[in-house]
N, C-alpha and C. Protein backbone atom coordinates (compact mmCIF):
# COMPACT_ATOMS: atom_id res chain seq x y z
N MET A 1 -82.81 11.45 115.38
CA MET A 1 -82.55 11.29 116.72
C MET A 1 -81.18 10.43 116.81
N ARG A 2 -81.72 9.15 116.05
CA ARG A 2 -80.66 8.45 116.20
C ARG A 2 -79.48 8.90 115.74
N LEU A 3 -79.67 9.54 114.64
CA LEU A 3 -78.19 10.13 113.53
C LEU A 3 -77.54 10.84 114.86
N ALA A 4 -78.38 12.25 115.57
CA ALA A 4 -77.95 13.09 116.06
C ALA A 4 -77.15 12.30 117.39
N LEU A 5 -78.09 11.12 117.99
CA LEU A 5 -77.58 10.46 119.02
C LEU A 5 -75.72 10.05 118.75
N ALA A 6 -75.64 9.27 117.65
CA ALA A 6 -74.36 8.58 116.39
C ALA A 6 -73.50 10.20 116.63
N CYS A 7 -73.72 11.14 116.33
CA CYS A 7 -72.81 12.27 116.44
C CYS A 7 -71.92 11.81 117.30
N MET A 8 -73.19 12.22 118.98
CA MET A 8 -72.53 12.79 119.82
C MET A 8 -71.62 11.81 120.38
N LEU A 9 -72.49 10.56 120.44
CA LEU A 9 -71.30 9.33 120.56
C LEU A 9 -69.88 9.73 119.93
N VAL A 10 -69.97 10.00 118.80
CA VAL A 10 -69.04 9.70 117.65
C VAL A 10 -67.73 11.06 118.19
N LEU A 11 -68.41 12.17 118.53
CA LEU A 11 -67.94 13.08 118.93
C LEU A 11 -67.13 12.93 120.31
N PHE A 12 -67.59 12.21 121.32
CA PHE A 12 -67.39 12.16 122.66
C PHE A 12 -66.39 10.83 122.30
N LEU A 13 -66.07 10.18 121.88
CA LEU A 13 -65.12 9.15 121.60
C LEU A 13 -63.89 9.98 121.25
N MET A 14 -63.90 10.42 120.48
CA MET A 14 -62.84 11.14 119.65
C MET A 14 -62.49 12.36 120.48
N SER A 15 -63.18 12.95 121.72
CA SER A 15 -62.35 13.98 122.55
C SER A 15 -61.69 13.03 123.55
N SER A 16 -62.33 11.64 123.70
CA SER A 16 -61.51 10.83 124.56
C SER A 16 -60.35 9.97 123.93
N CYS A 17 -60.11 10.16 123.39
CA CYS A 17 -58.93 9.58 123.10
C CYS A 17 -57.96 10.78 122.22
N SER A 18 -58.07 12.08 122.93
CA SER A 18 -57.05 13.12 122.02
C SER A 18 -55.32 12.40 122.62
N ASN A 19 -54.39 13.10 122.20
CA ASN A 19 -53.32 12.51 121.95
C ASN A 19 -52.89 13.39 123.43
N GLU A 20 -52.09 11.88 124.22
CA GLU A 20 -51.95 12.31 125.78
C GLU A 20 -51.23 13.45 125.84
N LYS A 21 -50.21 14.17 124.51
CA LYS A 21 -49.14 15.52 125.01
C LYS A 21 -49.80 16.82 125.14
N ASP A 22 -51.34 16.54 124.90
CA ASP A 22 -51.61 17.90 124.57
C ASP A 22 -52.97 17.46 125.85
N ALA A 23 -53.06 16.25 126.76
CA ALA A 23 -53.33 16.64 127.76
C ALA A 23 -53.14 17.13 129.18
N PRO A 24 -52.92 17.51 129.79
CA PRO A 24 -52.44 18.16 130.88
C PRO A 24 -52.08 17.07 132.16
N ALA A 25 -51.14 16.95 132.74
CA ALA A 25 -50.34 15.96 133.64
C ALA A 25 -51.18 16.00 135.03
N ALA A 26 -51.14 14.81 135.17
CA ALA A 26 -52.37 14.40 136.37
C ALA A 26 -51.77 15.00 137.57
N THR A 27 -50.28 14.61 138.04
CA THR A 27 -49.62 15.59 138.94
C THR A 27 -48.57 16.05 138.48
N SER A 28 -47.75 17.21 139.19
CA SER A 28 -46.53 17.43 138.31
C SER A 28 -45.94 17.49 139.74
N PHE A 29 -44.44 17.16 139.78
CA PHE A 29 -43.80 16.96 140.81
C PHE A 29 -43.22 18.48 141.09
N THR A 30 -43.44 18.70 142.36
CA THR A 30 -43.24 20.13 142.86
C THR A 30 -42.08 20.08 143.52
N GLU A 31 -41.38 21.67 144.00
CA GLU A 31 -40.43 21.87 144.87
C GLU A 31 -40.61 20.92 146.30
N ASN A 32 -42.21 21.20 146.81
CA ASN A 32 -42.18 21.03 147.94
C ASN A 32 -42.08 19.18 147.84
N ASP A 33 -42.45 18.53 146.52
CA ASP A 33 -42.54 16.76 146.49
C ASP A 33 -41.00 16.44 146.69
N ALA A 34 -40.22 17.81 146.23
CA ALA A 34 -38.86 16.84 146.27
C ALA A 34 -37.73 17.52 147.38
N ILE A 35 -38.45 18.31 148.02
CA ILE A 35 -37.59 18.44 149.40
C ILE A 35 -37.97 16.74 150.52
N ALA A 36 -39.49 16.58 149.56
CA ALA A 36 -40.80 15.61 150.67
C ALA A 36 -39.66 14.20 150.28
N LYS A 37 -39.55 13.97 148.90
CA LYS A 37 -38.54 12.57 148.48
C LYS A 37 -37.14 12.33 149.30
N VAL A 38 -36.28 13.74 149.51
CA VAL A 38 -35.06 13.71 150.16
C VAL A 38 -35.27 13.46 151.52
N ILE A 39 -36.40 14.09 152.52
CA ILE A 39 -36.13 13.58 153.88
C ILE A 39 -36.56 12.52 154.05
N ALA A 40 -37.84 12.11 153.54
CA ALA A 40 -37.70 10.49 153.39
C ALA A 40 -36.88 9.67 153.23
N GLU A 41 -36.17 10.07 152.31
CA GLU A 41 -35.12 9.03 152.10
C GLU A 41 -33.84 8.99 152.62
N TYR A 42 -33.33 9.99 152.99
CA TYR A 42 -31.96 10.66 153.53
C TYR A 42 -31.98 11.02 154.78
N ASN A 43 -33.06 10.99 155.28
CA ASN A 43 -32.97 11.72 157.14
C ASN A 43 -32.36 11.14 158.59
N HIS A 44 -33.03 9.70 158.38
CA HIS A 44 -32.42 8.70 159.06
C HIS A 44 -32.48 9.04 160.74
N ASN A 45 -33.83 9.94 160.86
CA ASN A 45 -34.43 10.22 162.32
C ASN A 45 -33.84 11.21 162.99
N ARG A 46 -32.67 11.75 162.69
CA ARG A 46 -31.59 12.95 163.57
C ARG A 46 -32.19 14.13 163.47
N PHE A 47 -32.87 14.57 162.19
CA PHE A 47 -33.07 15.75 161.63
C PHE A 47 -34.27 16.05 161.87
N GLU A 48 -34.62 18.00 161.91
CA GLU A 48 -35.98 18.20 161.73
C GLU A 48 -36.29 19.21 160.71
N PHE A 49 -35.66 18.67 159.56
CA PHE A 49 -35.84 19.73 158.05
C PHE A 49 -37.36 19.86 157.89
N PRO A 50 -37.75 21.15 157.65
CA PRO A 50 -38.52 21.56 157.45
C PRO A 50 -39.01 20.82 155.84
N SER A 51 -40.54 20.60 155.70
CA SER A 51 -40.78 20.08 154.16
C SER A 51 -41.20 20.83 153.28
N ARG A 52 -40.89 22.03 153.63
CA ARG A 52 -41.35 23.22 152.41
C ARG A 52 -39.54 23.83 152.86
N ALA A 53 -39.73 25.05 151.99
CA ALA A 53 -38.32 25.75 152.01
C ALA A 53 -38.59 26.63 152.94
N GLY A 54 -37.59 26.82 153.43
CA GLY A 54 -37.61 27.58 155.42
C GLY A 54 -36.79 26.87 156.19
N LYS A 55 -37.02 27.98 157.37
CA LYS A 55 -36.15 27.53 158.16
C LYS A 55 -36.22 27.04 159.23
N LEU A 56 -36.50 25.85 160.37
CA LEU A 56 -36.80 25.67 161.73
C LEU A 56 -36.24 25.40 162.87
N ASP A 57 -36.39 25.22 164.07
CA ASP A 57 -35.60 25.69 165.24
C ASP A 57 -35.79 23.60 165.92
N GLY A 58 -34.69 23.11 166.05
CA GLY A 58 -34.98 22.09 166.78
C GLY A 58 -33.55 21.41 167.27
N LEU A 59 -33.47 20.20 167.21
CA LEU A 59 -33.14 19.65 168.34
C LEU A 59 -32.21 18.76 166.73
N ILE A 60 -30.47 18.67 167.37
CA ILE A 60 -29.98 17.63 166.62
C ILE A 60 -29.96 16.79 167.22
N ARG A 61 -29.70 15.32 166.72
CA ARG A 61 -29.60 13.82 167.57
C ARG A 61 -28.58 13.45 167.14
N GLY A 62 -27.64 13.04 168.27
CA GLY A 62 -26.15 12.35 167.50
C GLY A 62 -25.89 10.99 168.61
N GLY A 63 -24.96 10.03 168.45
CA GLY A 63 -24.60 9.70 169.30
C GLY A 63 -24.52 9.40 170.27
N GLY A 64 -23.79 8.56 171.02
CA GLY A 64 -23.51 8.17 172.48
C GLY A 64 -24.80 7.62 173.23
N PRO A 65 -23.86 7.60 174.63
CA PRO A 65 -24.61 6.82 175.33
C PRO A 65 -26.50 7.59 175.81
N ALA A 66 -27.07 6.66 175.43
CA ALA A 66 -28.70 7.27 175.68
C ALA A 66 -29.09 8.34 176.54
N PRO A 67 -29.56 9.15 175.96
CA PRO A 67 -30.98 9.22 175.17
C PRO A 67 -29.79 9.80 173.78
N GLY A 68 -28.45 10.10 173.67
CA GLY A 68 -27.62 10.23 172.86
C GLY A 68 -27.51 11.89 172.74
N LEU A 69 -26.74 12.67 172.45
CA LEU A 69 -26.60 14.21 172.25
C LEU A 69 -28.01 14.41 171.32
N GLN A 70 -27.96 16.06 172.32
CA GLN A 70 -29.52 16.73 171.39
C GLN A 70 -28.97 17.91 171.60
N ILE A 71 -28.17 18.50 170.31
CA ILE A 71 -27.79 19.87 169.99
C ILE A 71 -29.16 20.76 169.66
N PRO A 72 -28.96 22.10 170.53
CA PRO A 72 -29.85 22.83 169.79
C PRO A 72 -29.72 22.98 168.41
N GLY A 73 -30.60 23.53 167.30
CA GLY A 73 -29.88 23.63 166.02
C GLY A 73 -31.06 24.42 165.15
N GLN A 74 -30.69 24.79 163.98
CA GLN A 74 -31.89 25.33 162.90
C GLN A 74 -31.44 24.38 162.43
N PHE A 75 -32.48 23.99 160.91
CA PHE A 75 -32.12 23.07 159.96
C PHE A 75 -32.92 24.34 158.88
N GLU A 76 -32.49 23.81 157.58
CA GLU A 76 -33.40 24.78 156.94
C GLU A 76 -33.31 24.01 155.17
N SER A 77 -34.48 24.15 154.86
CA SER A 77 -34.29 23.16 153.38
C SER A 77 -34.42 24.68 152.44
N PHE A 78 -34.08 24.21 151.25
CA PHE A 78 -34.14 25.30 149.84
C PHE A 78 -33.67 24.16 148.82
N VAL A 79 -34.18 25.01 147.88
CA VAL A 79 -34.47 24.31 146.05
C VAL A 79 -34.67 24.95 145.51
N LYS A 80 -34.02 24.53 144.17
CA LYS A 80 -33.89 25.09 143.04
C LYS A 80 -34.23 24.42 141.87
N GLN A 81 -35.12 24.91 141.02
CA GLN A 81 -35.62 24.31 139.85
C GLN A 81 -34.35 23.79 138.88
N THR A 82 -33.91 22.83 138.44
CA THR A 82 -32.88 22.40 137.42
C THR A 82 -32.61 22.02 136.04
N GLY A 83 -34.24 21.35 135.87
CA GLY A 83 -34.60 21.64 134.81
C GLY A 83 -35.93 21.07 134.56
N ASP A 84 -36.41 20.33 133.44
CA ASP A 84 -37.69 19.90 133.44
C ASP A 84 -38.24 18.60 134.86
N GLY A 85 -38.81 19.02 135.28
CA GLY A 85 -39.28 18.23 136.40
C GLY A 85 -38.18 17.77 137.47
N SER A 86 -36.70 18.33 137.19
CA SER A 86 -35.72 18.15 138.17
C SER A 86 -35.44 19.20 139.40
N TYR A 87 -34.70 19.02 140.37
CA TYR A 87 -34.44 20.06 141.32
C TYR A 87 -33.10 19.84 141.81
N THR A 88 -32.37 20.80 142.56
CA THR A 88 -31.25 20.33 143.24
C THR A 88 -31.67 21.14 144.44
N VAL A 89 -32.13 20.28 145.65
CA VAL A 89 -32.49 20.16 146.84
C VAL A 89 -30.98 20.27 148.16
N THR A 90 -30.99 21.38 148.90
CA THR A 90 -30.08 21.37 149.64
C THR A 90 -30.44 21.36 151.31
N LEU A 91 -29.98 20.61 151.70
CA LEU A 91 -30.70 20.45 153.67
C LEU A 91 -29.37 21.26 154.19
N ALA A 92 -29.67 21.87 155.05
CA ALA A 92 -28.47 22.25 155.76
C ALA A 92 -28.41 22.45 157.35
N VAL A 93 -28.31 21.83 158.58
CA VAL A 93 -28.36 22.28 159.86
C VAL A 93 -27.08 23.07 160.37
N TYR A 94 -27.56 24.18 161.17
CA TYR A 94 -26.78 24.87 161.88
C TYR A 94 -26.81 24.87 163.24
N TRP A 95 -25.50 25.02 163.89
CA TRP A 95 -25.32 25.42 165.55
C TRP A 95 -24.95 25.79 166.42
N SER A 96 -24.07 26.12 167.42
CA SER A 96 -23.64 26.99 167.94
C SER A 96 -22.32 26.24 168.32
N ALA A 97 -21.01 26.60 168.25
CA ALA A 97 -19.52 25.63 168.26
C ALA A 97 -19.74 25.98 169.84
N GLN A 98 -20.60 26.37 170.50
CA GLN A 98 -20.71 26.44 172.51
C GLN A 98 -20.98 25.27 172.26
N ASP A 99 -21.94 24.67 171.81
CA ASP A 99 -22.56 23.28 171.67
C ASP A 99 -22.07 22.25 171.76
N PHE A 100 -21.34 22.16 170.40
CA PHE A 100 -21.06 21.46 170.00
C PHE A 100 -19.76 21.92 168.78
N ARG A 101 -18.69 21.51 169.25
CA ARG A 101 -17.63 21.50 168.33
C ARG A 101 -16.00 20.82 168.27
N THR A 102 -15.45 20.29 167.25
CA THR A 102 -13.97 19.70 167.61
C THR A 102 -13.35 20.95 167.88
N GLU A 103 -12.02 20.55 167.67
CA GLU A 103 -10.49 21.32 168.52
C GLU A 103 -10.33 22.69 167.82
N ALA A 104 -10.24 22.47 166.23
CA ALA A 104 -10.34 23.13 165.90
C ALA A 104 -11.21 24.68 165.23
N ASP A 105 -12.32 24.05 165.79
CA ASP A 105 -13.28 25.24 165.65
C ASP A 105 -13.67 26.41 166.76
N SER A 106 -13.47 27.56 166.25
CA SER A 106 -13.38 28.56 167.68
C SER A 106 -15.35 28.45 168.22
N PRO A 107 -14.62 28.56 169.79
CA PRO A 107 -16.46 28.20 170.91
C PRO A 107 -17.23 29.72 170.29
N ASP A 108 -16.66 30.80 169.77
CA ASP A 108 -17.59 31.66 169.12
C ASP A 108 -18.32 31.22 167.84
N ALA A 109 -18.54 30.40 167.28
CA ALA A 109 -18.53 30.38 165.79
C ALA A 109 -20.44 29.92 165.67
N THR A 110 -20.55 30.47 164.63
CA THR A 110 -22.05 29.40 164.14
C THR A 110 -21.55 27.98 163.07
N LEU A 111 -21.61 27.07 163.55
CA LEU A 111 -21.21 25.90 162.49
C LEU A 111 -22.39 25.58 162.18
N HIS A 112 -22.32 24.73 160.47
CA HIS A 112 -22.97 24.22 159.55
C HIS A 112 -22.16 23.04 159.26
N HIS A 113 -23.55 22.20 158.68
CA HIS A 113 -23.30 21.16 157.65
C HIS A 113 -24.04 21.15 156.63
N GLU A 114 -23.93 20.94 155.62
CA GLU A 114 -24.93 20.62 154.24
C GLU A 114 -24.97 19.81 152.94
N TRP A 115 -26.10 19.18 153.04
CA TRP A 115 -26.36 17.90 152.00
C TRP A 115 -26.71 18.52 150.93
N GLU A 116 -26.34 18.11 149.52
CA GLU A 116 -27.40 18.87 148.43
C GLU A 116 -27.59 17.42 147.51
N TYR A 117 -28.55 17.59 146.99
CA TYR A 117 -29.55 16.44 146.61
C TYR A 117 -29.80 16.78 144.80
N ASP A 118 -29.82 15.66 144.16
CA ASP A 118 -30.12 15.85 142.57
C ASP A 118 -31.61 15.03 142.45
N VAL A 119 -33.14 15.85 142.65
CA VAL A 119 -34.06 15.08 143.04
C VAL A 119 -34.83 15.07 141.83
N SER A 120 -35.24 13.76 141.20
CA SER A 120 -36.22 14.13 140.36
C SER A 120 -37.84 12.75 140.87
N SER A 121 -38.94 12.93 140.43
CA SER A 121 -39.66 12.41 140.69
C SER A 121 -39.55 11.01 140.63
N SER A 122 -38.32 10.12 140.32
CA SER A 122 -38.27 8.41 140.04
C SER A 122 -37.26 8.22 141.23
N ARG A 123 -35.70 10.07 141.20
CA ARG A 123 -34.80 9.47 141.98
C ARG A 123 -34.68 10.56 143.07
N ALA A 124 -33.41 10.18 143.92
CA ALA A 124 -33.29 11.41 144.88
C ALA A 124 -31.61 10.90 145.06
N ARG A 125 -30.50 11.68 145.06
CA ARG A 125 -29.27 11.18 144.21
C ARG A 125 -28.04 12.25 145.60
N LEU A 126 -27.56 11.58 146.47
CA LEU A 126 -26.88 12.80 147.49
C LEU A 126 -25.59 13.32 145.94
N VAL A 127 -25.01 14.72 145.58
CA VAL A 127 -24.25 14.47 144.97
C VAL A 127 -23.45 15.83 146.29
N ARG A 128 -23.33 15.89 146.84
CA ARG A 128 -22.41 16.73 147.83
C ARG A 128 -22.46 16.54 149.00
N GLU A 129 -21.89 16.56 150.00
CA GLU A 129 -21.96 17.18 151.62
C GLU A 129 -20.55 17.97 152.13
N SER A 130 -21.13 18.74 152.70
CA SER A 130 -19.48 19.89 153.09
C SER A 130 -20.10 20.31 154.03
N GLY A 131 -19.00 21.36 154.83
CA GLY A 131 -19.31 21.92 156.02
C GLY A 131 -18.82 21.12 157.28
N ASP A 132 -18.85 21.78 158.69
CA ASP A 132 -18.53 20.94 160.07
C ASP A 132 -18.89 19.76 160.19
N VAL A 133 -17.91 18.93 160.76
CA VAL A 133 -18.46 17.96 161.89
C VAL A 133 -19.71 18.40 162.10
N SER A 134 -20.96 17.34 161.84
CA SER A 134 -22.21 17.53 162.38
C SER A 134 -22.37 16.26 163.49
N PRO A 135 -23.03 17.05 164.48
CA PRO A 135 -23.39 16.24 165.86
C PRO A 135 -23.94 14.77 165.77
N ASP A 136 -24.42 14.38 164.19
CA ASP A 136 -24.90 13.78 163.90
C ASP A 136 -24.17 12.47 163.63
N ARG A 137 -22.77 12.95 163.41
CA ARG A 137 -21.63 11.91 162.96
C ARG A 137 -21.38 11.23 164.38
N ILE A 138 -21.35 11.58 165.40
CA ILE A 138 -21.25 11.20 166.52
C ILE A 138 -21.67 9.80 167.19
N GLU A 139 -21.09 8.81 167.18
CA GLU A 139 -21.57 7.67 167.25
C GLU A 139 -21.68 7.03 168.72
């Protein structure tokens, strides 16, 4: 009986001390985690980006006298995996030039601005920003 109990204890200890590479990760960094990280670190409360890949309607908040600019728009989040646990997250905003434009823009256009980030579980870094002048740039 003691021998059987000792053997079971040894087997339990050996299985508990297995190589960490063989053990599954407790949590993995997902596409949705990458989007959420970018939104949390860079959003500045002027946008309503979806926390998952997709588009949402909302208001682009800009500067100016209170309550500031509030331009109807669409917010898009999309992501692609670029490596082991890292992603490229792109946030884009779209609005009608009838609501906000510069002199160079056609009043019939749909305008957009986007931000591209390199994201891993430990960091989110802006790598590119492009597009039309966004209403959030107005102070």
